[in-house]
């Protein structure tokens, strides 16, 4: 994942991340959490969509609880809809 290198140059208001289903849960979770930590202070809303329950549980257990928090969804369509609604 190249999340960390893309976000500082673009500085988006919101981000929806959909990890590859074939990616190892631990590696995907680690990459998402590393990208999320510096965004907390910049006001970027980050959402993650993965149907893999173990990955969702790892994200929930290890996510930074400061504002804005990491939003975790099981379905991509819901993650995108929620992110768009939050942006308006």
N, C-alpha and C. Protein backbone atom coordinates (compact mmCIF):
# COMPACT_ATOMS: atom_id res chain seq x y z
N UNK A 1 0.84 -1.19 0.00
CA UNK A 1 0.00 0.00 0.00
C UNK A 1 0.88 1.24 0.00
N UNK A 2 0.47 2.21 -0.75
CA UNK A 2 1.18 3.47 -0.82
C UNK A 2 0.36 4.59 -0.19
N UNK A 3 -0.44 4.27 0.78
CA UNK A 3 -1.34 5.24 1.42
C UNK A 3 -0.56 6.41 2.00
N UNK A 4 0.44 6.10 2.76
CA UNK A 4 1.18 7.15 3.47
C UNK A 4 1.84 8.14 2.54
N UNK A 5 2.28 7.70 1.38
CA UNK A 5 2.95 8.62 0.46
C UNK A 5 1.95 9.46 -0.33
N UNK A 6 0.75 8.98 -0.53
CA UNK A 6 -0.26 9.75 -1.29
C UNK A 6 -0.92 10.84 -0.47
N UNK A 7 -1.23 10.55 0.76
CA UNK A 7 -2.05 11.47 1.55
C UNK A 7 -1.39 12.81 1.86
N UNK A 8 -0.10 12.87 2.20
CA UNK A 8 0.47 14.19 2.50
C UNK A 8 0.47 15.13 1.29
N UNK A 9 0.61 14.60 0.10
CA UNK A 9 0.66 15.47 -1.08
C UNK A 9 -0.72 15.91 -1.52
N UNK A 10 -1.72 15.10 -1.27
CA UNK A 10 -3.09 15.43 -1.69
C UNK A 10 -3.89 16.14 -0.61
N UNK A 11 -3.62 15.84 0.64
CA UNK A 11 -4.32 16.40 1.80
C UNK A 11 -5.85 16.37 1.64
N UNK A 12 -6.41 15.17 1.46
CA UNK A 12 -7.86 15.06 1.25
C UNK A 12 -8.65 15.30 2.53
N UNK A 13 -9.91 15.68 2.37
CA UNK A 13 -10.80 15.87 3.51
C UNK A 13 -11.30 14.54 4.03
N UNK A 14 -11.45 13.56 3.13
CA UNK A 14 -11.87 12.24 3.54
C UNK A 14 -11.22 11.20 2.66
N UNK A 15 -11.05 10.01 3.22
CA UNK A 15 -10.40 8.91 2.54
C UNK A 15 -11.16 7.63 2.85
N UNK A 16 -11.42 6.82 1.82
CA UNK A 16 -12.00 5.50 2.01
C UNK A 16 -10.97 4.49 1.52
N UNK A 17 -10.56 3.60 2.39
CA UNK A 17 -9.56 2.60 2.06
C UNK A 17 -10.24 1.23 1.98
N UNK A 18 -9.95 0.52 0.90
CA UNK A 18 -10.47 -0.83 0.72
C UNK A 18 -9.26 -1.75 0.52
N UNK A 19 -8.82 -2.42 1.59
CA UNK A 19 -7.67 -3.32 1.47
C UNK A 19 -7.97 -4.48 0.53
N UNK A 20 -6.97 -4.93 -0.18
CA UNK A 20 -7.08 -6.07 -1.08
C UNK A 20 -7.47 -7.31 -0.28
N UNK A 21 -8.42 -8.07 -0.78
CA UNK A 21 -8.86 -9.28 -0.08
C UNK A 21 -7.73 -10.28 0.09
N UNK A 22 -6.78 -10.29 -0.83
CA UNK A 22 -5.69 -11.24 -0.75
C UNK A 22 -4.58 -10.82 0.20
N UNK A 23 -4.62 -9.59 0.65
CA UNK A 23 -3.57 -9.08 1.55
C UNK A 23 -3.70 -9.72 2.92
N UNK A 24 -2.57 -9.90 3.55
CA UNK A 24 -2.58 -10.44 4.92
C UNK A 24 -3.27 -9.43 5.84
N UNK A 25 -4.14 -9.93 6.68
CA UNK A 25 -4.91 -9.04 7.56
C UNK A 25 -4.00 -8.17 8.41
N UNK A 26 -2.98 -8.75 9.00
CA UNK A 26 -2.08 -7.98 9.87
C UNK A 26 -1.35 -6.89 9.13
N UNK A 27 -0.87 -7.18 7.92
CA UNK A 27 -0.15 -6.18 7.14
C UNK A 27 -1.07 -5.05 6.69
N UNK A 28 -2.26 -5.40 6.27
CA UNK A 28 -3.23 -4.39 5.84
C UNK A 28 -3.63 -3.48 7.00
N UNK A 29 -3.91 -4.09 8.13
CA UNK A 29 -4.30 -3.32 9.31
C UNK A 29 -3.17 -2.39 9.73
N UNK A 30 -1.96 -2.88 9.73
CA UNK A 30 -0.81 -2.07 10.10
C UNK A 30 -0.65 -0.87 9.18
N UNK A 31 -0.80 -1.09 7.88
CA UNK A 31 -0.67 0.01 6.91
C UNK A 31 -1.77 1.05 7.11
N UNK A 32 -2.98 0.62 7.33
CA UNK A 32 -4.09 1.54 7.55
C UNK A 32 -3.87 2.35 8.83
N UNK A 33 -3.48 1.69 9.90
CA UNK A 33 -3.26 2.39 11.17
C UNK A 33 -2.10 3.37 11.08
N UNK A 34 -1.04 3.01 10.37
CA UNK A 34 0.09 3.94 10.19
C UNK A 34 -0.33 5.16 9.39
N UNK A 35 -1.20 4.98 8.41
CA UNK A 35 -1.68 6.11 7.62
C UNK A 35 -2.66 6.97 8.41
N UNK A 36 -3.42 6.35 9.29
CA UNK A 36 -4.44 7.08 10.05
C UNK A 36 -3.86 7.99 11.13
N UNK A 37 -2.84 7.54 11.81
CA UNK A 37 -2.32 8.30 12.96
C UNK A 37 -1.98 9.74 12.63
N UNK A 38 -1.20 10.03 11.60
CA UNK A 38 -0.89 11.44 11.33
C UNK A 38 -2.08 12.23 10.80
N UNK A 39 -3.09 11.56 10.26
CA UNK A 39 -4.25 12.25 9.71
C UNK A 39 -5.17 12.74 10.80
N UNK A 40 -5.13 12.12 11.98
CA UNK A 40 -6.03 12.51 13.07
C UNK A 40 -5.94 14.00 13.36
N UNK A 41 -4.74 14.51 13.45
CA UNK A 41 -4.55 15.91 13.79
C UNK A 41 -4.86 16.86 12.65
N UNK A 42 -4.97 16.35 11.43
CA UNK A 42 -5.22 17.20 10.27
C UNK A 42 -6.69 17.25 9.89
N UNK A 43 -7.53 16.52 10.60
CA UNK A 43 -8.97 16.57 10.34
C UNK A 43 -9.44 15.72 9.18
N UNK A 44 -8.63 14.79 8.72
CA UNK A 44 -9.04 13.92 7.62
C UNK A 44 -9.87 12.77 8.17
N UNK A 45 -11.06 12.60 7.63
CA UNK A 45 -11.91 11.48 8.01
C UNK A 45 -11.48 10.27 7.19
N UNK A 46 -11.12 9.19 7.86
CA UNK A 46 -10.73 7.96 7.19
C UNK A 46 -11.73 6.86 7.48
N UNK A 47 -12.13 6.18 6.42
CA UNK A 47 -12.99 5.01 6.54
C UNK A 47 -12.28 3.83 5.92
N UNK A 48 -12.54 2.66 6.45
CA UNK A 48 -11.99 1.41 5.92
C UNK A 48 -13.15 0.47 5.66
N UNK A 49 -13.12 -0.20 4.51
CA UNK A 49 -14.14 -1.18 4.19
C UNK A 49 -13.47 -2.52 3.92
N UNK A 50 -13.81 -3.49 4.74
CA UNK A 50 -13.33 -4.86 4.53
C UNK A 50 -14.37 -5.83 5.05
N UNK A 51 -14.66 -6.83 4.26
CA UNK A 51 -15.64 -7.83 4.71
C UNK A 51 -14.99 -8.86 5.64
N UNK A 52 -13.68 -8.78 5.82
CA UNK A 52 -12.96 -9.73 6.66
C UNK A 52 -13.09 -9.33 8.13
N UNK A 53 -13.86 -10.11 8.87
CA UNK A 53 -14.10 -9.82 10.28
C UNK A 53 -12.82 -9.73 11.11
N UNK A 54 -11.83 -10.61 10.92
CA UNK A 54 -10.61 -10.48 11.72
C UNK A 54 -9.90 -9.14 11.50
N UNK A 55 -9.90 -8.66 10.27
CA UNK A 55 -9.28 -7.36 9.98
C UNK A 55 -10.05 -6.24 10.66
N UNK A 56 -11.38 -6.30 10.61
CA UNK A 56 -12.20 -5.26 11.26
C UNK A 56 -11.95 -5.25 12.76
N UNK A 57 -11.86 -6.43 13.37
CA UNK A 57 -11.63 -6.51 14.82
C UNK A 57 -10.25 -5.96 15.19
N UNK A 58 -9.24 -6.25 14.38
CA UNK A 58 -7.90 -5.70 14.63
C UNK A 58 -7.90 -4.18 14.51
N UNK A 59 -8.59 -3.67 13.49
CA UNK A 59 -8.68 -2.21 13.32
C UNK A 59 -9.38 -1.56 14.51
N UNK A 60 -10.50 -2.13 14.91
CA UNK A 60 -11.25 -1.58 16.04
C UNK A 60 -10.43 -1.60 17.32
N UNK A 61 -9.68 -2.65 17.52
CA UNK A 61 -8.90 -2.79 18.76
C UNK A 61 -7.69 -1.86 18.80
N UNK A 62 -7.15 -1.50 17.64
CA UNK A 62 -5.90 -0.75 17.60
C UNK A 62 -6.00 0.66 17.04
N UNK A 63 -7.18 1.08 16.63
CA UNK A 63 -7.34 2.41 16.04
C UNK A 63 -7.17 3.50 17.09
N UNK A 64 -6.63 4.60 16.66
CA UNK A 64 -6.49 5.78 17.52
C UNK A 64 -7.89 6.33 17.78
N UNK A 65 -8.22 6.58 19.00
CA UNK A 65 -9.57 7.03 19.34
C UNK A 65 -9.71 8.55 19.36
N UNK A 66 -8.64 9.24 18.99
CA UNK A 66 -8.75 10.71 18.96
C UNK A 66 -9.55 11.14 17.73
N UNK A 67 -9.85 12.39 17.67
CA UNK A 67 -10.68 12.86 16.56
C UNK A 67 -9.87 13.13 15.33
N UNK A 68 -10.38 13.02 14.14
CA UNK A 68 -11.56 12.20 13.84
C UNK A 68 -11.18 10.73 13.90
N UNK A 69 -12.10 9.93 14.33
CA UNK A 69 -11.78 8.51 14.52
C UNK A 69 -11.83 7.76 13.19
N UNK A 70 -11.27 6.59 13.20
CA UNK A 70 -11.28 5.71 12.03
C UNK A 70 -12.63 5.01 11.98
N UNK A 71 -13.32 5.14 10.85
CA UNK A 71 -14.63 4.52 10.67
C UNK A 71 -14.43 3.20 9.93
N UNK A 72 -14.98 2.14 10.47
CA UNK A 72 -14.76 0.81 9.91
C UNK A 72 -16.09 0.22 9.46
N UNK A 73 -16.12 -0.23 8.21
CA UNK A 73 -17.34 -0.80 7.62
C UNK A 73 -17.06 -2.18 7.05
N UNK A 74 -18.11 -2.98 6.95
CA UNK A 74 -17.98 -4.31 6.35
C UNK A 74 -18.25 -4.26 4.85
N UNK A 75 -18.94 -3.22 4.38
CA UNK A 75 -19.31 -3.14 2.96
C UNK A 75 -18.79 -1.86 2.33
N UNK A 76 -18.28 -1.98 1.14
CA UNK A 76 -17.69 -0.84 0.42
C UNK A 76 -18.75 0.22 0.14
N UNK A 77 -19.91 -0.19 -0.32
CA UNK A 77 -20.95 0.78 -0.66
C UNK A 77 -21.35 1.63 0.54
N UNK A 78 -21.44 1.00 1.70
CA UNK A 78 -21.80 1.74 2.90
C UNK A 78 -20.67 2.68 3.32
N UNK A 79 -19.44 2.24 3.19
CA UNK A 79 -18.30 3.09 3.54
C UNK A 79 -18.26 4.34 2.67
N UNK A 80 -18.49 4.18 1.39
CA UNK A 80 -18.46 5.33 0.48
C UNK A 80 -19.65 6.24 0.74
N UNK A 81 -20.83 5.68 0.93
CA UNK A 81 -22.02 6.50 1.23
C UNK A 81 -21.84 7.28 2.52
N UNK A 82 -21.34 6.62 3.54
CA UNK A 82 -21.13 7.29 4.83
C UNK A 82 -20.09 8.39 4.72
N UNK A 83 -19.02 8.14 3.98
CA UNK A 83 -17.97 9.15 3.81
C UNK A 83 -18.52 10.37 3.06
N UNK A 84 -19.31 10.13 2.03
CA UNK A 84 -19.90 11.25 1.27
C UNK A 84 -20.88 12.03 2.13
N UNK A 85 -21.65 11.35 2.93
CA UNK A 85 -22.60 12.03 3.82
C UNK A 85 -21.86 12.86 4.87
N UNK A 86 -20.76 12.34 5.36
CA UNK A 86 -19.98 13.07 6.37
C UNK A 86 -19.31 14.30 5.77
N UNK A 87 -19.02 14.25 4.49
CA UNK A 87 -18.34 15.36 3.83
C UNK A 87 -19.29 16.53 3.54
N UNK A 88 -20.57 16.26 3.56
CA UNK A 88 -21.52 17.33 3.23
C UNK A 88 -22.04 18.01 4.45
